[in-house]
C-alpha cells in the first residue's frame, strides 16, 4: 500500500440563473477525481485528496510533512496556488517555496506525478505556469512556455510503445479515446511508455533517489471521456503508476 497525496482536481462552479426580473446566484464544489480515488483505493493505495481550494493553505510546506506520503499527484492545480499562500499574497510575508520543496523531496526519494488538464503543465492560456520551474526540472518532460493544449474533440487514442515497464504492464496496445492532451517533449533520459499522435502520453524518469511520471491528458472529464474512464485499464494504469512511483 502506498500513501498518496492528490492535490487539485476540484473546482467551485459559480453561476447565476436569471428568471425574468430576478436573478438567483449559486455555487457548488465539484470534485473531478472521484473515479480516480475509487480506482486507487481498489488497487490498495491510501489516498488523501486535497481539493484545489485548500491547496494554498494546507499543502505540505516542509520535507517532513511531505515524507508522510510516498507519492504526490498534481492534477489541474497551477503553480500559483503552491507559490502564493495567504501569508505571502495577503500579508506580504515569506513562506517556503513549495515548488522547490517538491523537487528536493523527489531527489531525496519521493514520487511525483503530474496529470494533464487546463491547469497542469503550462495549461490554458499558460496559466498553470510550470515551465521553467523546479517541478519541470524533475519531471520526465519539457514544458512549453505558452498554452500547450492540443484539443482533439474527435477523440484520439493513446498507443503503447514497445518498452516493457511496470507502469504499463498488461495494458492494451491501443487505448480508448481522449479529447485533448498537453504537447510535451520527453527529456533525453526519460522513458516514453505511451504516445498520442506521436507525442508523449505517459513518460517516466528517475531523478536522484526519486521517480517522476507525466500523464499528458486528464484523469477525469472533459479530456477523459466515458470511454477512457470506464476502460478496464484505467485503474490498472494509475494503480501501477503509483506503485512504481512509490518504489
Protein backbone atom coordinates (compact mmCIF):
# COMPACT_ATOMS: atom_id res chain seq x y z
CA UNK A 1 0.00 0.00 0.00
CA UNK A 2 1.31 3.44 -0.96
CA UNK A 3 0.39 6.70 0.71
CA UNK A 4 -0.71 9.22 -1.92
CA UNK A 5 -1.45 12.94 -1.73
CA UNK A 6 -3.65 14.03 -4.64
CA UNK A 7 -3.65 17.82 -4.86
CA UNK A 8 -6.16 19.63 -7.08
CA UNK A 9 -8.77 18.16 -9.43
CA UNK A 10 -11.68 20.13 -7.96
CA UNK A 11 -13.29 23.47 -8.64
CA UNK A 12 -16.03 25.77 -7.40
CA UNK A 13 -18.70 26.35 -10.01
CA UNK A 14 -20.44 29.71 -9.56
CA UNK A 15 -23.44 30.60 -11.71
CA UNK A 16 -26.38 32.97 -11.82
CA UNK A 17 -29.83 31.94 -13.02
CA UNK A 18 -31.88 34.77 -14.50
CA UNK A 19 -35.64 34.33 -14.16
CA UNK A 20 -37.30 37.38 -15.61
CA UNK A 21 -36.75 40.34 -13.30
CA UNK A 22 -34.97 38.26 -10.64
CA UNK A 23 -31.54 36.63 -10.51
CA UNK A 24 -30.53 33.67 -8.39
CA UNK A 25 -26.76 33.19 -7.80
CA UNK A 26 -25.49 29.84 -6.55
CA UNK A 27 -22.19 27.99 -6.19
CA UNK A 28 -21.20 24.36 -5.89
CA UNK A 29 -18.00 22.45 -5.19
CA UNK A 30 -17.23 19.99 -7.99
CA UNK A 31 -14.90 17.00 -7.44
CA UNK A 32 -13.36 15.69 -10.66
CA UNK A 33 -11.25 12.88 -9.25
CA UNK A 34 -13.92 10.64 -7.69
CA UNK A 35 -13.30 7.87 -10.23
CA UNK A 36 -9.53 8.02 -9.70
CA UNK A 37 -9.93 7.93 -5.92
CA UNK A 38 -12.07 4.80 -6.25
CA UNK A 39 -9.61 3.21 -8.66
CA UNK A 40 -6.56 3.82 -6.45
CA UNK A 41 -8.37 2.58 -3.35
CA UNK A 42 -9.38 -0.57 -5.22
CA UNK A 43 -5.73 -1.10 -6.13
CA UNK A 44 -4.82 -0.94 -2.43
CA UNK A 45 -3.48 2.59 -2.14
CA UNK A 46 -4.28 5.05 0.65
CA UNK A 47 -5.16 8.41 -0.92
CA UNK A 48 -5.61 11.79 0.72
CA UNK A 49 -7.40 14.27 -1.53
CA UNK A 50 -6.55 17.93 -1.02
CA UNK A 51 -9.13 19.91 -3.04
CA UNK A 52 -7.93 22.90 -5.03
CA UNK A 53 -9.39 25.49 -2.64
CA UNK A 54 -7.34 24.03 0.24
CA UNK A 55 -4.02 23.59 -1.55
CA UNK A 56 -2.77 27.14 -0.93
CA UNK A 57 -3.15 26.79 2.85
CA UNK A 58 -2.82 23.04 3.51
CA UNK A 59 -0.29 21.62 1.03
CA UNK A 60 2.87 20.44 2.87
CA UNK A 61 5.43 23.17 3.42
CA UNK A 62 8.29 21.09 4.87
CA UNK A 63 10.13 17.96 3.82
CA UNK A 64 8.91 16.28 6.99
CA UNK A 65 5.29 16.92 6.02
CA UNK A 66 5.89 15.60 2.52
CA UNK A 67 7.51 12.49 3.99
CA UNK A 68 4.08 11.46 5.28
CA UNK A 69 3.43 10.40 1.66
CA UNK A 70 5.11 8.12 -0.83
CA UNK A 71 3.62 9.82 -3.90
CA UNK A 72 2.34 13.31 -4.67
CA UNK A 73 -0.03 13.67 -7.61
CA UNK A 74 -0.63 17.15 -9.01
CA UNK A 75 -3.72 17.37 -11.21
CA UNK A 76 -5.27 20.57 -12.55
CA UNK A 77 -3.66 22.79 -9.94
CA UNK A 78 -1.47 25.66 -11.13
CA UNK A 79 1.90 26.75 -9.81
CA UNK A 80 0.43 29.98 -8.39
CA UNK A 81 -1.65 28.06 -5.86
CA UNK A 82 1.50 26.43 -4.48
CA UNK A 83 3.55 29.63 -4.59
CA UNK A 84 1.02 32.09 -3.16
CA UNK A 85 -0.46 31.03 0.19
CA UNK A 86 -2.38 33.78 2.01
CA UNK A 87 0.61 34.59 4.21
CA UNK A 88 2.51 35.66 1.08
CA UNK A 89 -0.26 37.12 -1.09
CA UNK A 90 -2.34 38.85 1.60
CA UNK A 91 0.16 39.50 4.37
CA UNK A 92 3.35 40.09 2.39
CA UNK A 93 5.36 37.65 4.50
CA UNK A 94 7.88 34.98 3.37
CA UNK A 95 6.92 31.31 3.17
CA UNK A 96 8.67 28.15 1.89
CA UNK A 97 8.73 27.76 -1.89
CA UNK A 98 6.73 24.54 -2.27
CA UNK A 99 7.67 24.13 -5.94
CA UNK A 100 11.37 23.93 -4.99
CA UNK A 101 10.49 21.84 -1.94
CA UNK A 102 8.73 19.25 -4.09
CA UNK A 103 11.77 18.94 -6.34
CA UNK A 104 14.08 18.46 -3.36
CA UNK A 105 11.69 15.86 -1.91
CA UNK A 106 11.75 13.93 -5.18
CA UNK A 107 15.54 13.93 -5.29
CA UNK A 108 15.54 12.52 -1.77
CA UNK A 109 13.33 9.60 -2.81
CA UNK A 110 9.78 10.86 -3.32
CA UNK A 111 7.48 10.00 -6.21
CA UNK A 112 5.84 12.81 -8.20
CA UNK A 113 3.18 12.56 -10.90
CA UNK A 114 1.58 15.35 -12.88
CA UNK A 115 -1.62 14.66 -14.81
CA UNK A 116 -2.74 16.89 -17.64
CA UNK A 117 -5.56 19.41 -17.77
CA UNK A 118 -6.30 23.09 -18.18
CA UNK A 119 -4.25 23.95 -15.07
CA UNK A 120 -1.47 21.38 -15.49
CA UNK A 121 1.94 21.68 -17.15
CA UNK A 122 1.61 25.09 -18.87
CA UNK A 123 -2.13 24.87 -19.34
CA UNK A 124 -4.92 27.04 -20.73
CA UNK A 125 -3.52 30.47 -21.67
CA UNK A 126 -0.31 29.34 -19.89
CA UNK A 127 -1.98 29.88 -16.51
CA UNK A 128 -0.68 26.67 -14.92
CA UNK A 129 2.80 28.11 -15.48
CA UNK A 130 5.10 25.19 -14.58
CA UNK A 131 7.52 25.98 -17.42
CA UNK A 132 10.96 26.87 -16.07
CA UNK A 133 10.14 25.78 -12.51
CA UNK A 134 11.86 23.30 -10.22
CA UNK A 135 8.95 20.90 -10.81
CA UNK A 136 9.64 20.89 -14.54
CA UNK A 137 13.29 20.18 -13.74
CA UNK A 138 12.40 16.84 -12.13
CA UNK A 139 9.58 15.76 -14.45
CA UNK A 140 10.32 13.47 -17.43
CA UNK A 141 9.13 16.10 -19.90
CA UNK A 142 9.92 19.61 -21.07
CA UNK A 143 7.01 22.07 -20.87
CA UNK A 144 6.25 24.69 -23.50
CA UNK A 145 6.40 28.35 -22.39
CA UNK A 146 2.92 29.05 -23.83
CA UNK A 147 -0.53 27.45 -23.95
CA UNK A 148 0.35 23.79 -24.53
CA UNK A 149 -3.10 22.25 -25.10
CA UNK A 150 -3.91 20.08 -28.08
CA UNK A 151 -7.69 19.77 -28.30
CA UNK A 152 -8.85 16.57 -30.01
CA UNK A 153 -12.67 16.75 -29.90
CA UNK A 154 -12.87 13.96 -32.48
CA UNK A 155 -11.25 11.57 -29.96
CA UNK A 156 -7.71 10.23 -30.31
CA UNK A 157 -6.47 7.09 -28.56
CA UNK A 158 -3.09 6.50 -26.95
CA UNK A 159 -0.71 3.81 -28.16
CA UNK A 160 1.77 1.80 -26.13
CA UNK A 161 5.41 1.95 -27.11
CA UNK A 162 7.45 -1.23 -27.28
CA UNK A 163 9.05 -0.53 -23.90
CA UNK A 164 8.19 -3.06 -21.20
CA UNK A 165 7.64 -1.32 -17.88
CA UNK A 166 5.74 -1.97 -14.62
CA UNK A 167 3.54 1.09 -15.16
CA UNK A 168 2.05 -0.22 -18.40
CA UNK A 169 2.34 -3.98 -17.82
CA UNK A 170 -0.71 -5.88 -19.04
CA UNK A 171 -2.37 -2.89 -20.73
CA UNK A 172 -3.91 -2.89 -24.20
CA UNK A 173 -1.64 -1.84 -27.06
CA UNK A 174 -4.24 0.73 -28.16
CA UNK A 175 -6.14 2.85 -25.63
CA UNK A 176 -9.62 4.41 -25.66
CA UNK A 177 -10.09 7.92 -26.95
CA UNK A 178 -9.06 11.13 -25.19
CA UNK A 179 -10.43 14.57 -26.08
CA UNK A 180 -7.24 16.53 -25.54
CA UNK A 181 -3.75 16.48 -24.11
CA UNK A 182 -0.67 18.58 -23.40
CA UNK A 183 2.00 18.90 -26.09
CA UNK A 184 5.07 17.73 -24.17
CA UNK A 185 8.61 16.78 -25.17
CA UNK A 186 10.32 13.85 -23.48
CA UNK A 187 13.68 14.59 -21.88
CA UNK A 188 16.70 12.71 -23.20
CA UNK A 189 16.90 10.50 -20.11
CA UNK A 190 13.14 9.85 -19.89
CA UNK A 191 11.34 6.68 -20.95
CA UNK A 192 8.18 7.11 -23.03
CA UNK A 193 5.67 4.34 -22.33
CA UNK A 194 2.71 5.55 -24.40
CA UNK A 195 2.18 8.15 -27.10
CA UNK A 196 -0.71 10.12 -28.58
CA UNK A 197 -0.37 11.47 -32.10
CA UNK A 198 3.34 10.73 -31.82
CA UNK A 199 3.82 12.82 -28.67
CA UNK A 200 4.44 11.50 -25.11
CA UNK A 201 1.27 10.46 -23.29
CA UNK A 202 2.96 8.57 -20.45
CA UNK A 203 6.61 9.20 -19.64
CA UNK A 204 8.73 8.26 -16.62
CA UNK A 205 12.11 9.24 -15.26
CA UNK A 206 14.33 8.81 -12.23
CA UNK A 207 15.66 11.92 -10.51
CA UNK A 208 18.21 11.42 -7.77
CA UNK A 209 16.70 8.83 -5.42
CA UNK A 210 13.16 9.55 -6.62
CA UNK A 211 10.88 8.90 -9.57
CA UNK A 212 8.56 11.05 -11.67
CA UNK A 213 5.77 10.39 -14.16
CA UNK A 214 3.90 12.63 -16.59
CA UNK A 215 0.47 11.75 -17.95
CA UNK A 216 -0.25 14.26 -20.70
CA UNK A 217 -4.06 14.05 -20.60
CA UNK A 218 -6.77 14.26 -17.99
CA UNK A 219 -7.71 11.72 -15.34
CA UNK A 220 -11.32 12.97 -15.45
CA UNK A 221 -13.75 14.71 -17.83
CA UNK A 222 -13.65 16.59 -20.01
CA UNK A 223 -10.49 15.33 -21.73
CA UNK A 224 -11.08 11.84 -20.32
CA UNK A 225 -14.50 10.78 -21.66
CA UNK A 226 -16.58 7.82 -20.57
CA UNK A 227 -14.76 5.51 -22.97
CA UNK A 228 -11.48 6.15 -21.14
CA UNK A 229 -12.88 6.35 -17.62
CA UNK A 230 -14.70 3.02 -17.95
CA UNK A 231 -11.80 1.24 -19.64
CA UNK A 232 -10.58 -1.76 -17.67
CA UNK A 233 -7.05 -0.42 -18.00
CA UNK A 234 -7.89 2.84 -16.18
CA UNK A 235 -7.45 1.55 -12.60
CA UNK A 236 -4.57 -0.67 -13.65
CA UNK A 237 -2.65 2.17 -15.33
CA UNK A 238 -2.88 4.59 -12.42
CA UNK A 239 -2.61 1.94 -9.73
CA UNK A 240 0.58 0.59 -11.29
CA UNK A 241 1.86 4.14 -11.79
CA UNK A 242 1.52 4.88 -8.06
CA UNK A 243 3.13 1.56 -7.13
CA UNK A 244 6.13 2.31 -9.36
CA UNK A 245 6.46 5.90 -8.17
CA UNK A 246 6.49 4.75 -4.55
CA UNK A 247 9.43 2.49 -5.35
